[in-house]
PDB file of N, CA and C in Angstrom:
ATOM      1  N   MET A   1      72.854 115.229 105.893  1.00  0.00           N
ATOM      2  CA  MET A   1      73.242 113.901 105.444  1.00  0.00           C
ATOM      3  C   MET A   1      73.541 114.060 103.888  1.00  0.00           C
ATOM      4  N   ASP A   2      74.734 113.591 103.414  1.00  0.00           N
ATOM      5  CA  ASP A   2      74.900 113.590 101.972  1.00  0.00           C
ATOM      6  C   ASP A   2      74.077 112.525 101.264  1.00  0.00           C
ATOM      7  N   ALA A   3      73.729 112.865 100.093  1.00  0.00           N
ATOM      8  CA  ALA A   3      72.934 111.887  99.221  1.00  0.00           C
ATOM      9  C   ALA A   3      73.926 111.626  97.986  1.00  0.00           C
ATOM     10  N   ILE A   4      73.603 110.502  97.458  1.00  0.00           N
ATOM     11  CA  ILE A   4      74.419 110.011  96.311  1.00  0.00           C
ATOM     12  C   ILE A   4      73.817 110.630  95.051  1.00  0.00           C
ATOM     13  N   THR A   5      74.598 111.443  94.372  1.00  0.00           N
ATOM     14  CA  THR A   5      74.215 112.190  93.153  1.00  0.00           C
ATOM     15  C   THR A   5      74.471 111.444  91.913  1.00  0.00           C
ATOM     16  N   ASP A   6      73.920 111.892  90.785  1.00  0.00           N
ATOM     17  CA  ASP A   6      74.330 111.336  89.440  1.00  0.00           C
ATOM     18  C   ASP A   6      75.803 111.501  89.181  1.00  0.00           C
ATOM     19  N   GLU A   7      76.313 112.629  89.609  1.00  0.00           N
ATOM     20  CA  GLU A   7      77.702 112.850  89.474  1.00  0.00           C
ATOM     21  C   GLU A   7      78.580 111.942  90.199  1.00  0.00           C
ATOM     22  N   ASP A   8      78.126 111.627  91.421  1.00  0.00           N
ATOM     23  CA  ASP A   8      78.805 110.623  92.187  1.00  0.00           C
ATOM     24  C   ASP A   8      78.797 109.120  91.505  1.00  0.00           C
ATOM     25  N   VAL A   9      77.663 108.856  90.898  1.00  0.00           N
ATOM     26  CA  VAL A   9      77.527 107.536  90.265  1.00  0.00           C
ATOM     27  C   VAL A   9      78.500 107.645  89.045  1.00  0.00           C
ATOM     28  N   ASN A  10      78.625 108.757  88.323  1.00  0.00           N
ATOM     29  CA  ASN A  10      79.517 108.891  87.200  1.00  0.00           C
ATOM     30  C   ASN A  10      80.944 108.698  87.672  1.00  0.00           C
ATOM     31  N   TYR A  11      81.353 109.284  88.785  1.00  0.00           N
ATOM     32  CA  TYR A  11      82.695 109.185  89.286  1.00  0.00           C
ATOM     33  C   TYR A  11      82.960 107.735  89.700  1.00  0.00           C
ATOM     34  N   ALA A  12      82.045 107.011  90.356  1.00  0.00           N
ATOM     35  CA  ALA A  12      82.200 105.639  90.757  1.00  0.00           C
ATOM     36  C   ALA A  12      82.333 104.761  89.463  1.00  0.00           C
ATOM     37  N   ARG A  13      81.476 104.995  88.520  1.00  0.00           N
ATOM     38  CA  ARG A  13      81.591 104.212  87.238  1.00  0.00           C
ATOM     39  C   ARG A  13      82.955 104.413  86.506  1.00  0.00           C
ATOM     40  N   GLU A  14      83.477 105.665  86.515  1.00  0.00           N
ATOM     41  CA  GLU A  14      84.767 105.927  85.951  1.00  0.00           C
ATOM     42  C   GLU A  14      85.817 105.168  86.546  1.00  0.00           C
ATOM     43  N   ILE A  15      85.879 105.169  87.911  1.00  0.00           N
ATOM     44  CA  ILE A  15      86.806 104.347  88.697  1.00  0.00           C
ATOM     45  C   ILE A  15      86.693 102.902  88.350  1.00  0.00           C
ATOM     46  N   LEU A  16      85.461 102.380  88.420  1.00  0.00           N
ATOM     47  CA  LEU A  16      85.354 100.893  88.061  1.00  0.00           C
ATOM     48  C   LEU A  16      85.711 100.591  86.701  1.00  0.00           C
ATOM     49  N   SER A  17      85.395 101.602  85.718  1.00  0.00           N
ATOM     50  CA  SER A  17      85.800 101.388  84.243  1.00  0.00           C
ATOM     51  C   SER A  17      87.349 101.273  84.206  1.00  0.00           C
ATOM     52  N   VAL A  18      88.119 102.173  84.877  1.00  0.00           N
ATOM     53  CA  VAL A  18      89.630 102.177  84.849  1.00  0.00           C
ATOM     54  C   VAL A  18      90.080 100.803  85.318  1.00  0.00           C
ATOM     55  N   MET A  19      89.459 100.276  86.408  1.00  0.00           N
ATOM     56  CA  MET A  19      89.960  99.065  87.111  1.00  0.00           C
ATOM     57  C   MET A  19      89.361  97.717  86.438  1.00  0.00           C
ATOM     58  N   TYR A  20      88.193  97.832  85.992  1.00  0.00           N
ATOM     59  CA  TYR A  20      87.565  96.560  85.485  1.00  0.00           C
ATOM     60  C   TYR A  20      87.115  96.518  84.026  1.00  0.00           C
ATOM     61  N   GLY A  21      87.044  97.654  83.454  1.00  0.00           N
ATOM     62  CA  GLY A  21      86.505  97.771  82.155  1.00  0.00           C
ATOM     63  C   GLY A  21      85.122  98.431  82.103  1.00  0.00           C
ATOM     64  N   ASP A  22      84.765  99.003  80.961  1.00  0.00           N
ATOM     65  CA  ASP A  22      83.447  99.741  80.821  1.00  0.00           C
ATOM     66  C   ASP A  22      82.285  98.763  81.068  1.00  0.00           C
ATOM     67  N   GLN A  23      82.419  97.598  80.459  1.00  0.00           N
ATOM     68  CA  GLN A  23      81.279  96.672  80.472  1.00  0.00           C
ATOM     69  C   GLN A  23      80.900  96.313  81.924  1.00  0.00           C
ATOM     70  N   PHE A  24      81.917  96.012  82.626  1.00  0.00           N
ATOM     71  CA  PHE A  24      81.751  95.693  84.141  1.00  0.00           C
ATOM     72  C   PHE A  24      81.200  96.822  84.765  1.00  0.00           C
ATOM     73  N   ALA A  25      81.776  97.994  84.604  1.00  0.00           N
ATOM     74  CA  ALA A  25      81.387  99.247  85.342  1.00  0.00           C
ATOM     75  C   ALA A  25      79.834  99.472  85.132  1.00  0.00           C
ATOM     76  N   GLN A  26      79.273  99.291  84.058  1.00  0.00           N
ATOM     77  CA  GLN A  26      78.037  99.527  83.681  1.00  0.00           C
ATOM     78  C   GLN A  26      76.965  98.619  84.333  1.00  0.00           C
ATOM     79  N   THR A  27      77.467  97.487  84.753  1.00  0.00           N
ATOM     80  CA  THR A  27      76.555  96.406  85.390  1.00  0.00           C
ATOM     81  C   THR A  27      76.451  96.577  86.900  1.00  0.00           C
ATOM     82  N   VAL A  28      77.384  97.368  87.503  1.00  0.00           N
ATOM     83  CA  VAL A  28      77.390  97.449  88.989  1.00  0.00           C
ATOM     84  C   VAL A  28      76.368  98.530  89.296  1.00  0.00           C
ATOM     85  N   ASP A  29      75.610  98.106  90.412  1.00  0.00           N
ATOM     86  CA  ASP A  29      74.459  99.004  91.092  1.00  0.00           C
ATOM     87  C   ASP A  29      75.368  99.998  92.013  1.00  0.00           C
ATOM     88  N   ILE A  30      75.445 101.288  91.638  1.00  0.00           N
ATOM     89  CA  ILE A  30      76.132 102.173  92.538  1.00  0.00           C
ATOM     90  C   ILE A  30      75.109 102.616  93.735  1.00  0.00           C
ATOM     91  N   ASN A  31      75.441 102.088  94.815  1.00  0.00           N
ATOM     92  CA  ASN A  31      74.727 102.428  96.029  1.00  0.00           C
ATOM     93  C   ASN A  31      75.725 102.622  97.168  1.00  0.00           C
ATOM     94  N   GLU A  32      75.230 102.798  98.419  1.00  0.00           N
ATOM     95  CA  GLU A  32      76.100 102.987  99.580  1.00  0.00           C
ATOM     96  C   GLU A  32      77.028 101.923  99.752  1.00  0.00           C
ATOM     97  N   TYR A  33      76.705 100.672  99.603  1.00  0.00           N
ATOM     98  CA  TYR A  33      77.608  99.499  99.675  1.00  0.00           C
ATOM     99  C   TYR A  33      78.630  99.498  98.579  1.00  0.00           C
ATOM    100  N   SER A  34      78.402  99.608  97.365  1.00  0.00           N
ATOM    101  CA  SER A  34      79.333  99.608  96.358  1.00  0.00           C
ATOM    102  C   SER A  34      80.212 100.838  96.481  1.00  0.00           C
ATOM    103  N   LEU A  35      79.742 101.916  96.826  1.00  0.00           N
ATOM    104  CA  LEU A  35      80.631 103.121  97.095  1.00  0.00           C
ATOM    105  C   LEU A  35      81.557 102.813  98.255  1.00  0.00           C
ATOM    106  N   GLY A  36      81.078 102.163  99.195  1.00  0.00           N
ATOM    107  CA  GLY A  36      82.077 101.842 100.344  1.00  0.00           C
ATOM    108  C   GLY A  36      83.093 100.880  99.926  1.00  0.00           C
ATOM    109  N   LEU A  37      82.761  99.899  99.012  1.00  0.00           N
ATOM    110  CA  LEU A  37      83.749  98.993  98.558  1.00  0.00           C
ATOM    111  C   LEU A  37      84.851  99.794  97.763  1.00  0.00           C
ATOM    112  N   ILE A  38      84.379 100.582  96.900  1.00  0.00           N
ATOM    113  CA  ILE A  38      85.255 101.406  96.122  1.00  0.00           C
ATOM    114  C   ILE A  38      86.184 102.187  96.948  1.00  0.00           C
ATOM    115  N   ALA A  39      85.621 102.917  97.951  1.00  0.00           N
ATOM    116  CA  ALA A  39      86.511 103.709  98.873  1.00  0.00           C
ATOM    117  C   ALA A  39      87.451 102.932  99.623  1.00  0.00           C
ATOM    118  N   GLU A  40      87.020 101.705 100.099  1.00  0.00           N
ATOM    119  CA  GLU A  40      87.845 100.809 100.808  1.00  0.00           C
ATOM    120  C   GLU A  40      89.047 100.436  99.981  1.00  0.00           C
ATOM    121  N   MET A  41      88.787  99.992  98.801  1.00  0.00           N
ATOM    122  CA  MET A  41      89.844  99.567  97.816  1.00  0.00           C
ATOM    123  C   MET A  41      90.763 100.747  97.568  1.00  0.00           C
ATOM    124  N   LEU A  42      90.247 101.962  97.388  1.00  0.00           N
ATOM    125  CA  LEU A  42      91.178 103.142  97.033  1.00  0.00           C
ATOM    126  C   LEU A  42      92.014 103.369  98.221  1.00  0.00           C
ATOM    127  N   ILE A  43      91.513 103.401  99.375  1.00  0.00           N
ATOM    128  CA  ILE A  43      92.203 103.643 100.609  1.00  0.00           C
ATOM    129  C   ILE A  43      93.464 102.559 100.679  1.00  0.00           C
ATOM    130  N   GLU A  44      93.073 101.398 100.480  1.00  0.00           N
ATOM    131  CA  GLU A  44      94.118 100.233 100.488  1.00  0.00           C
ATOM    132  C   GLU A  44      95.087 100.510  99.331  1.00  0.00           C
ATOM    133  N   THR A  45      94.630 100.836  98.250  1.00  0.00           N
ATOM    134  CA  THR A  45      95.599 101.102  97.175  1.00  0.00           C
ATOM    135  C   THR A  45      96.588 102.228  97.452  1.00  0.00           C
ATOM    136  N   GLY A  46      95.997 103.262  98.290  1.00  0.00           N
ATOM    137  CA  GLY A  46      96.904 104.321  98.734  1.00  0.00           C
ATOM    138  C   GLY A  46      97.933 103.865  99.758  1.00  0.00           C
ATOM    139  N   LYS A  47      97.515 102.921 100.581  1.00  0.00           N
ATOM    140  CA  LYS A  47      98.412 102.325 101.555  1.00  0.00           C
ATOM    141  C   LYS A  47      99.538 101.528 100.822  1.00  0.00           C
ATOM    142  N   CYS A  48      99.169 100.937  99.669  1.00  0.00           N
ATOM    143  CA  CYS A  48     100.103 100.114  98.940  1.00  0.00           C
ATOM    144  C   CYS A  48     101.355 100.813  98.582  1.00  0.00           C
ATOM    145  N   SER A  49     101.286 102.167  98.356  1.00  0.00           N
ATOM    146  CA  SER A  49     102.447 102.788  97.944  1.00  0.00           C
ATOM    147  C   SER A  49     102.436 104.223  98.330  1.00  0.00           C
ATOM    148  N   ASP A  50     103.425 104.718  99.152  1.00  0.00           N
ATOM    149  CA  ASP A  50     103.461 106.035  99.580  1.00  0.00           C
ATOM    150  C   ASP A  50     103.606 107.033  98.388  1.00  0.00           C
ATOM    151  N   ASP A  51     103.940 106.648  97.218  1.00  0.00           N
ATOM    152  CA  ASP A  51     104.234 107.432  96.026  1.00  0.00           C
ATOM    153  C   ASP A  51     102.957 107.702  95.323  1.00  0.00           C
ATOM    154  N   ILE A  52     101.878 107.118  95.707  1.00  0.00           N
ATOM    155  CA  ILE A  52     100.663 107.362  94.953  1.00  0.00           C
ATOM    156  C   ILE A  52      99.943 108.548  95.497  1.00  0.00           C
ATOM    157  N   ASP A  53      99.912 109.637  94.830  1.00  0.00           N
ATOM    158  CA  ASP A  53      99.284 110.862  95.279  1.00  0.00           C
ATOM    159  C   ASP A  53      97.768 111.092  94.926  1.00  0.00           C
ATOM    160  N   LEU A  54      97.409 110.152  94.189  1.00  0.00           N
ATOM    161  CA  LEU A  54      96.043 110.114  93.701  1.00  0.00           C
ATOM    162  C   LEU A  54      94.993 109.792  94.839  1.00  0.00           C
ATOM    163  N   VAL A  55      95.418 108.886  95.621  1.00  0.00           N
ATOM    164  CA  VAL A  55      94.496 108.299  96.793  1.00  0.00           C
ATOM    165  C   VAL A  55      94.788 108.879  98.168  1.00  0.00           C
ATOM    166  N   PRO A  56      93.748 109.372  98.808  1.00  0.00           N
ATOM    167  CA  PRO A  56      93.942 109.909 100.136  1.00  0.00           C
ATOM    168  C   PRO A  56      93.983 108.750 101.245  1.00  0.00           C
ATOM    169  N   LYS A  57      94.638 109.010 102.262  1.00  0.00           N
ATOM    170  CA  LYS A  57      94.709 107.956 103.304  1.00  0.00           C
ATOM    171  C   LYS A  57      93.425 108.003 104.293  1.00  0.00           C
ATOM    172  N   THR A  58      93.181 106.892 104.838  1.00  0.00           N
ATOM    173  CA  THR A  58      92.083 106.673 105.845  1.00  0.00           C
ATOM    174  C   THR A  58      92.348 107.631 106.992  1.00  0.00           C
ATOM    175  N   PRO A  59      91.366 108.222 107.681  1.00  0.00           N
ATOM    176  CA  PRO A  59      91.633 108.868 108.878  1.00  0.00           C
ATOM    177  C   PRO A  59      91.901 107.948 110.104  1.00  0.00           C
ATOM    178  N   GLY A  60      91.353 106.800 110.121  1.00  0.00           N
ATOM    179  CA  GLY A  60      91.537 105.862 111.140  1.00  0.00           C
ATOM    180  C   GLY A  60      91.524 104.489 110.634  1.00  0.00           C
ATOM    181  N   TYR A  61      92.410 103.625 111.088  1.00  0.00           N
ATOM    182  CA  TYR A  61      92.476 102.337 110.669  1.00  0.00           C
ATOM    183  C   TYR A  61      91.387 101.340 111.230  1.00  0.00           C
ATOM    184  N   PHE A  62      90.756 101.748 112.404  1.00  0.00           N
ATOM    185  CA  PHE A  62      89.782 100.909 112.967  1.00  0.00           C
ATOM    186  C   PHE A  62      88.430 101.435 112.954  1.00  0.00           C
ATOM    187  N   VAL A  63      88.238 102.501 112.187  1.00  0.00           N
ATOM    188  CA  VAL A  63      86.816 103.165 112.035  1.00  0.00           C
ATOM    189  C   VAL A  63      86.461 102.935 110.665  1.00  0.00           C
ATOM    190  N   LYS A  64      85.241 102.463 110.445  1.00  0.00           N
ATOM    191  CA  LYS A  64      84.689 102.363 109.133  1.00  0.00           C
ATOM    192  C   LYS A  64      84.182 103.784 108.683  1.00  0.00           C
ATOM    193  N   PRO A  65      84.611 104.173 107.512  1.00  0.00           N
ATOM    194  CA  PRO A  65      84.341 105.504 107.083  1.00  0.00           C
ATOM    195  C   PRO A  65      82.756 105.648 106.786  1.00  0.00           C
ATOM    196  N   GLY A  66      82.191 106.867 107.136  1.00  0.00           N
ATOM    197  CA  GLY A  66      80.841 107.072 106.811  1.00  0.00           C
ATOM    198  C   GLY A  66      80.609 107.495 105.417  1.00  0.00           C
ATOM    199  N   LEU A  67      79.409 107.652 104.993  1.00  0.00           N
ATOM    200  CA  LEU A  67      78.947 108.005 103.610  1.00  0.00           C
ATOM    201  C   LEU A  67      79.606 109.287 103.247  1.00  0.00           C
ATOM    202  N   LYS A  68      79.749 110.260 104.121  1.00  0.00           N
ATOM    203  CA  LYS A  68      80.239 111.620 103.727  1.00  0.00           C
ATOM    204  C   LYS A  68      81.718 111.426 103.419  1.00  0.00           C
ATOM    205  N   TYR A  69      82.475 110.518 104.059  1.00  0.00           N
ATOM    206  CA  TYR A  69      83.880 110.374 103.804  1.00  0.00           C
ATOM    207  C   TYR A  69      83.999 109.551 102.565  1.00  0.00           C
ATOM    208  N   VAL A  70      83.187 108.581 102.447  1.00  0.00           N
ATOM    209  CA  VAL A  70      83.215 107.737 101.196  1.00  0.00           C
ATOM    210  C   VAL A  70      83.001 108.515  99.950  1.00  0.00           C
ATOM    211  N   LEU A  71      81.875 109.455  99.973  1.00  0.00           N
ATOM    212  CA  LEU A  71      81.658 110.244  98.823  1.00  0.00           C
ATOM    213  C   LEU A  71      82.899 111.212  98.544  1.00  0.00           C
ATOM    214  N   LYS A  72      83.436 111.792  99.632  1.00  0.00           N
ATOM    215  CA  LYS A  72      84.571 112.604  99.352  1.00  0.00           C
ATOM    216  C   LYS A  72      85.695 111.889  98.545  1.00  0.00           C
ATOM    217  N   ILE A  73      86.045 110.778  99.039  1.00  0.00           N
ATOM    218  CA  ILE A  73      87.045 109.946  98.417  1.00  0.00           C
ATOM    219  C   ILE A  73      86.654 109.666  96.873  1.00  0.00           C
ATOM    220  N   VAL A  74      85.459 109.183  96.627  1.00  0.00           N
ATOM    221  CA  VAL A  74      85.014 108.756  95.235  1.00  0.00           C
ATOM    222  C   VAL A  74      84.896 110.126  94.402  1.00  0.00           C
ATOM    223  N   ARG A  75      84.436 111.122  94.943  1.00  0.00           N
ATOM    224  CA  ARG A  75      84.405 112.320  94.194  1.00  0.00           C
ATOM    225  C   ARG A  75      85.766 112.887  93.759  1.00  0.00           C
ATOM    226  N   GLN A  76      86.722 112.932  94.735  1.00  0.00           N
ATOM    227  CA  GLN A  76      88.069 113.340  94.527  1.00  0.00           C
ATOM    228  C   GLN A  76      88.783 112.485  93.437  1.00  0.00           C
ATOM    229  N   VAL A  77      88.838 111.254  93.629  1.00  0.00           N
ATOM    230  CA  VAL A  77      89.491 110.291  92.744  1.00  0.00           C
ATOM    231  C   VAL A  77      88.828 110.211  91.353  1.00  0.00           C
ATOM    232  N   GLY A  78      87.509 110.269  91.408  1.00  0.00           N
ATOM    233  CA  GLY A  78      86.722 110.222  90.164  1.00  0.00           C
ATOM    234  C   GLY A  78      86.997 111.375  89.211  1.00  0.00           C
ATOM    235  N   LYS A  79      87.081 112.610  89.915  1.00  0.00           N
ATOM    236  CA  LYS A  79      87.344 113.901  89.200  1.00  0.00           C
ATOM    237  C   LYS A  79      88.799 113.670  88.553  1.00  0.00           C
ATOM    238  N   GLU A  80      89.797 113.323  89.314  1.00  0.00           N
ATOM    239  CA  GLU A  80      91.100 113.257  88.957  1.00  0.00           C
ATOM    240  C   GLU A  80      91.238 112.239  87.780  1.00  0.00           C
ATOM    241  N   ILE A  81      90.558 111.120  87.929  1.00  0.00           N
ATOM    242  CA  ILE A  81      90.682 110.197  86.820  1.00  0.00           C
ATOM    243  C   ILE A  81      90.043 110.707  85.540  1.00  0.00           C
ATOM    244  N   MET A  82      88.951 111.407  85.700  1.00  0.00           N
ATOM    245  CA  MET A  82      88.242 111.968  84.554  1.00  0.00           C
ATOM    246  C   MET A  82      89.081 113.041  83.896  1.00  0.00           C
ATOM    247  N   LEU A  83      89.852 113.847  84.640  1.00  0.00           N
ATOM    248  CA  LEU A  83      90.793 114.785  84.088  1.00  0.00           C
ATOM    249  C   LEU A  83      91.956 114.352  83.523  1.00  0.00           C
ATOM    250  N   ASP A  84      92.555 113.239  84.117  1.00  0.00           N
ATOM    251  CA  ASP A  84      93.773 112.609  83.554  1.00  0.00           C
ATOM    252  C   ASP A  84      93.699 111.098  83.713  1.00  0.00           C
ATOM    253  N   PRO A  85      93.011 110.489  82.771  1.00  0.00           N
ATOM    254  CA  PRO A  85      92.777 108.952  82.784  1.00  0.00           C
ATOM    255  C   PRO A  85      94.076 108.151  82.924  1.00  0.00           C
ATOM    256  N   ALA A  86      95.264 108.884  82.403  1.00  0.00           N
ATOM    257  CA  ALA A  86      96.426 108.054  82.464  1.00  0.00           C
ATOM    258  C   ALA A  86      97.092 107.992  83.793  1.00  0.00           C
ATOM    259  N   LYS A  87      96.585 108.755  84.720  1.00  0.00           N
ATOM    260  CA  LYS A  87      97.143 108.842  86.166  1.00  0.00           C
ATOM    261  C   LYS A  87      96.529 107.750  86.899  1.00  0.00           C
ATOM    262  N   LYS A  88      97.340 106.824  87.201  1.00  0.00           N
ATOM    263  CA  LYS A  88      96.882 105.551  87.988  1.00  0.00           C
ATOM    264  C   LYS A  88      97.732 105.159  89.025  1.00  0.00           C
ATOM    265  N   SER A  89      97.334 104.343  89.868  1.00  0.00           N
ATOM    266  CA  SER A  89      98.174 103.678  90.856  1.00  0.00           C
ATOM    267  C   SER A  89      99.046 102.736  90.253  1.00  0.00           C
ATOM    268  N   TYR A  90     100.009 102.123  90.976  1.00  0.00           N
ATOM    269  CA  TYR A  90     100.872 101.031  90.466  1.00  0.00           C
ATOM    270  C   TYR A  90      99.964  99.853  90.154  1.00  0.00           C
ATOM    271  N   LEU A  91     100.239  99.220  89.095  1.00  0.00           N
ATOM    272  CA  LEU A  91      99.606  98.113  88.554  1.00  0.00           C
ATOM    273  C   LEU A  91      99.568  96.976  89.521  1.00  0.00           C
ATOM    274  N   MET A  92     100.614  96.773  90.260  1.00  0.00           N
ATOM    275  CA  MET A  92     100.593  95.699  91.326  1.00  0.00           C
ATOM    276  C   MET A  92      99.598  95.982  92.405  1.00  0.00           C
ATOM    277  N   CYS A  93      99.482  97.221  92.759  1.00  0.00           N
ATOM    278  CA  CYS A  93      98.510  97.585  93.742  1.00  0.00           C
ATOM    279  C   CYS A  93      97.013  97.346  93.256  1.00  0.00           C
ATOM    280  N   ASP A  94      96.802  97.817  92.013  1.00  0.00           N
ATOM    281  CA  ASP A  94      95.431  97.531  91.305  1.00  0.00           C
ATOM    282  C   ASP A  94      95.115  96.122  91.351  1.00  0.00           C
ATOM    283  N   ARG A  95      96.085  95.277  90.940  1.00  0.00           N
ATOM    284  CA  ARG A  95      95.775  93.876  90.771  1.00  0.00           C
ATOM    285  C   ARG A  95      95.471  93.236  92.120  1.00  0.00           C
ATOM    286  N   VAL A  96      96.367  93.563  93.134  1.00  0.00           N
ATOM    287  CA  VAL A  96      96.078  92.925  94.476  1.00  0.00           C
ATOM    288  C   VAL A  96      94.791  93.318  95.131  1.00  0.00           C
ATOM    289  N   ILE A  97      94.554  94.650  95.081  1.00  0.00           N
ATOM    290  CA  ILE A  97      93.491  95.074  95.855  1.00  0.00           C
ATOM    291  C   ILE A  97      92.134  95.049  94.957  1.00  0.00           C
ATOM    292  N   PHE A  98      92.085  95.602  93.808  1.00  0.00           N
ATOM    293  CA  PHE A  98      90.871  95.749  93.058  1.00  0.00           C
ATOM    294  C   PHE A  98      90.523  94.480  92.449  1.00  0.00           C
ATOM    295  N   ARG A  99      91.343  93.650  91.856  1.00  0.00           N
ATOM    296  CA  ARG A  99      91.074  92.428  91.169  1.00  0.00           C
ATOM    297  C   ARG A  99      90.615  91.298  92.248  1.00  0.00           C
ATOM    298  N   SER A 100      91.116  91.347  93.404  1.00  0.00           N
ATOM    299  CA  SER A 100      90.834  90.352  94.326  1.00  0.00           C
ATOM    300  C   SER A 100      89.416  90.685  94.975  1.00  0.00           C
ATOM    301  N   ARG A 101      88.802  91.803  94.794  1.00  0.00           N
ATOM    302  CA  ARG A 101      87.463  92.014  95.317  1.00  0.00           C
ATOM    303  C   ARG A 101      86.411  92.366  94.296  1.00  0.00           C
ATOM    304  N   GLN A 102      86.598  92.009  92.997  1.00  0.00           N
ATOM    305  CA  GLN A 102      85.664  92.289  91.887  1.00  0.00           C
ATOM    306  C   GLN A 102      84.422  91.553  92.165  1.00  0.00           C
ATOM    307  N   ALA A 103      84.396  90.308  92.641  1.00  0.00           N
ATOM    308  CA  ALA A 103      83.311  89.516  92.893  1.00  0.00           C
ATOM    309  C   ALA A 103      82.359  90.175  93.998  1.00  0.00           C
ATOM    310  N   ALA A 104      82.792  90.987  94.847  1.00  0.00           N
ATOM    311  CA  ALA A 104      82.062  91.695  95.822  1.00  0.00           C
ATOM    312  C   ALA A 104      80.932  92.643  95.254  1.00  0.00           C
ATOM    313  N   PHE A 105      81.121  92.973  94.007  1.00  0.00           N
ATOM    314  CA  PHE A 105      80.191  93.900  93.358  1.00  0.00           C
ATOM    315  C   PHE A 105      79.008  93.115  92.901  1.00  0.00           C
ATOM    316  N   ILE A 106      79.176  91.854  92.721  1.00  0.00           N
ATOM    317  CA  ILE A 106      78.086  90.986  92.040  1.00  0.00           C
ATOM    318  C   ILE A 106      77.130  90.568  93.042  1.00  0.00           C
TER     319      ILE A 106
END
């Protein structure tokens, strides 16, 4: 079973920082629930546009991804954002998907 590492927490905070700002990212408790929310939003952002190569597609639309898959997504996207912070999804996708779910972290 995969465990959430400090590196995973850093990736998740980096993603949240890009989407919501540093101050908000530092207030979120990074746990299985918040990682699941991040992964879900990243998956939906990927569906928003076929041109976004940053975000992987979900393996199944009716299956809730497990922690192993969630960590895979957060690690992959977190690493890519840390390497190239300018590489983002379309602003329209970010606003619709991430902004509409910001309260879920509180």
